Protein backbone atom coordinates (compact mmCIF):
# COMPACT_ATOMS: atom_id res chain seq x y z
CA MET A 1 108.13 85.90 111.52
CA LYS A 2 105.36 88.76 111.50
CA ILE A 3 102.78 88.23 108.10
CA THR A 4 102.12 90.92 106.30
CA ALA A 5 98.49 91.86 104.64
CA LEU A 6 100.01 92.06 101.21
CA GLU A 7 101.74 89.10 101.90
CA GLU A 8 97.63 87.06 102.59
CA TYR A 9 96.55 88.68 100.18
CA GLY A 10 98.89 88.46 98.05
CA LEU A 11 98.64 84.40 98.82
CA ARG A 12 94.52 84.69 98.04
CA CYS A 13 94.66 86.02 95.13
CA LEU A 14 97.14 83.54 94.11
CA VAL A 15 95.05 81.19 95.36
CA GLN A 16 91.48 82.37 92.98
CA LEU A 17 93.69 81.64 90.16
CA ALA A 18 94.83 78.65 91.39
CA ARG A 19 91.22 77.71 91.44
CA HIS A 20 90.31 78.31 88.76
CA HIS A 21 93.59 77.77 86.50
CA SER A 22 91.88 74.25 85.37
CA GLU A 23 89.09 76.19 83.99
CA ASP A 24 91.99 78.01 81.28
CA ARG A 25 90.41 81.55 81.05
CA PRO A 26 91.88 83.86 82.25
CA VAL A 27 90.20 85.73 86.02
CA ALA A 28 89.91 90.08 86.21
CA ILE A 29 90.78 92.06 88.97
CA SER A 30 87.08 92.79 89.65
CA GLU A 31 86.21 88.58 89.87
CA ILE A 32 89.40 88.72 92.55
CA ALA A 33 88.55 90.77 94.16
CA LYS A 34 84.86 90.96 95.15
CA ALA A 35 85.99 87.04 95.68
CA GLU A 36 88.19 88.11 98.73
CA GLY A 37 86.62 91.97 99.46
CA LEU A 38 89.27 93.73 98.39
CA SER A 39 88.95 96.53 95.98
CA ILE A 40 90.51 96.24 92.80
CA GLN A 41 92.77 99.09 93.30
CA TYR A 42 94.23 96.17 95.97
CA VAL A 43 94.01 93.94 94.13
CA GLY A 44 95.36 95.22 90.90
CA LYS A 45 98.19 96.82 92.81
CA ILE A 46 98.64 93.16 93.94
CA MET A 47 98.97 91.35 90.75
CA HIS A 48 101.05 94.41 89.25
CA GLU A 49 103.58 93.00 91.83
CA LEU A 50 103.19 89.08 91.13
CA ARG A 51 103.64 89.70 87.12
CA ARG A 52 106.23 91.68 87.84
CA ALA A 53 108.07 88.18 90.27
CA GLY A 54 106.88 86.28 86.81
CA LEU A 55 104.55 84.17 88.87
CA ILE A 56 101.22 85.10 87.15
CA ASN A 57 100.77 86.10 83.25
CA SER A 58 98.21 88.94 82.04
CA LEU A 59 96.25 89.22 78.81
CA ARG A 60 94.69 91.46 77.74
CA GLY A 61 91.56 91.76 75.76
CA ILE A 62 87.70 92.28 76.64
CA HIS A 63 88.25 88.50 77.95
CA GLY A 64 91.77 88.89 79.22
CA GLY A 65 93.08 88.68 82.85
CA PHE A 66 95.65 87.06 85.10
CA VAL A 67 96.21 82.77 85.06
CA LEU A 68 99.53 81.30 86.94
CA ALA A 69 102.58 80.96 84.97
CA LYS A 70 103.09 77.94 86.66
CA ALA A 71 101.29 75.25 87.57
CA PRO A 72 99.53 75.49 91.47
CA GLN A 73 102.02 72.31 92.32
CA GLU A 74 105.14 75.03 91.44
CA ILE A 75 104.06 77.74 93.19
CA SER A 76 104.89 77.84 97.15
CA ILE A 77 103.74 79.72 99.57
CA ALA A 78 107.29 81.81 100.00
CA ASP A 79 107.70 81.82 96.78
CA ILE A 80 104.93 83.83 97.96
CA PHE A 81 105.87 85.10 100.64
CA GLU A 82 109.46 86.19 99.13
CA THR A 83 107.77 88.24 96.36
CA MET A 84 105.03 90.14 98.44
CA GLY A 85 108.90 91.16 100.17
CA GLY A 86 108.47 88.27 103.11
CA GLU A 87 111.48 87.77 105.66
CA THR A 88 114.01 84.68 105.26
CA PRO A 89 115.54 83.37 108.55
CA GLU A 90 118.25 84.90 107.30
CA HIS A 91 116.96 88.34 108.94
CA VAL A 92 116.39 87.86 112.19
CA CYS A 93 119.16 89.16 113.71
CA SER A 94 120.21 92.44 110.61
CA LYS A 95 116.58 93.50 111.79
CA PHE A 96 117.13 93.57 116.02
CA SER A 97 120.42 95.45 115.36
CA GLY A 98 119.77 98.67 117.34
CA ASN A 99 121.67 101.84 116.27
CA GLN A 100 123.87 98.57 114.02
CA THR A 101 124.25 97.77 111.59
CA GLN A 102 124.26 94.41 112.56
CA CYS A 103 124.01 93.33 116.45
CA VAL A 104 125.80 93.84 118.67
CA HIS A 105 126.38 89.33 119.22
CA LEU A 106 127.40 88.21 116.15
CA GLY A 107 130.50 86.62 117.87
CA GLY A 108 128.09 84.87 120.91
CA CYS A 109 124.17 84.31 120.95
CA SER A 110 122.34 81.29 122.67
CA ILE A 111 119.61 83.72 121.17
CA ARG A 112 120.35 82.99 117.90
CA SER A 113 120.39 79.11 117.87
CA VAL A 114 116.10 79.20 118.99
CA TRP A 115 115.03 82.08 115.92
CA SER A 116 117.33 80.15 113.51
CA PHE A 117 116.10 77.08 114.35
CA VAL A 118 112.54 78.67 114.00
CA MET A 119 112.35 80.71 110.70
CA GLY A 120 114.08 77.77 109.33
CA GLN A 121 111.94 75.37 110.29
CA VAL A 122 108.66 77.93 109.13
CA SER A 123 111.05 78.41 106.24
CA SER A 124 111.06 74.98 105.18
CA VAL A 125 106.94 74.92 105.77
CA LEU A 126 106.71 77.16 103.25
CA LYS A 127 108.59 75.58 100.81
CA ARG A 128 107.01 72.36 101.12
CA ILE A 129 103.33 73.86 100.49
CA SER A 130 102.18 74.65 96.81
CA LEU A 131 99.24 76.86 95.92
CA ALA A 132 97.84 73.07 94.64
CA ASP A 133 98.16 71.85 98.58
CA LEU A 134 96.33 75.20 99.85
CA ILE A 135 93.24 74.31 96.81
CA ALA A 136 92.75 70.57 97.10
CA SER A 137 90.81 70.25 101.24
CA GLU A 138 92.30 71.46 104.12
CA SER A 139 91.95 67.90 105.87
CA SER A 140 94.22 67.48 102.52
CA CYS A 141 96.74 70.28 103.74
CA SER A 142 96.58 69.53 106.90
CA SER A 143 97.06 66.20 106.84
CA LYS A 144 100.82 67.23 104.72
CA LEU A 145 101.05 69.25 107.37
CA ASN A 146 101.15 66.05 109.94
CA GLU A 147 104.26 64.55 107.53
CA GLN A 148 106.44 68.23 108.20
CA HIS A 149 105.31 67.92 111.67
CA THR A 150 106.94 64.10 112.01
CA GLN A 151 109.50 65.39 109.72
CA PHE A 152 110.03 68.75 112.56
CA GLU A 153 110.39 66.40 115.81
CA THR A 154 113.41 64.54 113.97
CA ASN A 155 115.14 67.93 113.84
CA LYS A 156 117.95 69.56 115.99
CA LEU A 157 118.60 73.12 117.01
CA PRO A 158 122.24 73.83 114.64
CA VAL A 159 124.88 74.88 116.23
CA TYR A 160 127.16 78.50 116.68
CA PRO A 161 130.99 78.81 118.00
CA ALA A 162 131.68 79.90 121.05
CA ALA A 163 132.09 83.31 121.29
CA THR A 164 136.08 84.52 121.32
CA GLU A 165 137.62 86.63 123.52
CA GLY A 166 137.31 90.10 123.27
CA ALA A 167 133.84 89.13 120.15
CA ALA A 168 131.58 91.64 119.31
CA LYS A 169 130.43 93.23 122.11
């Protein structure tokens, strides 16, 4: 899994909005840009994508800006990454298919179960960490991740059926 700059900055912009959520006031693009060290134009592009996805609302006027569309605890990191074009675990095999539309090893691949398991665990963690967790404190977020680690240790690798003779070569 590769986290793009757009995903990282989308997350950071939403963290800024989450920090101001309790103040019940919109946050201007210029304020977010300054806090994150980004250009106003780039933050504008990010906010447009987040608004289009329904994660934020925009308010017009002299005291306008952006607010979260939901409470911080209802928005997960996975929601944000998916909005910003992030990969989901299902895309692992199709990404490395070469010139084919699907992987040549689809019928029997010992690597698939590993990548599927890893991506599933990453996805699970990202779905369980919310903006509220991120703004609480670093130690609070670490505690939640430690809970995830304990659960990770109890999970098993998925089992795929063995390839049949003549399967995709």
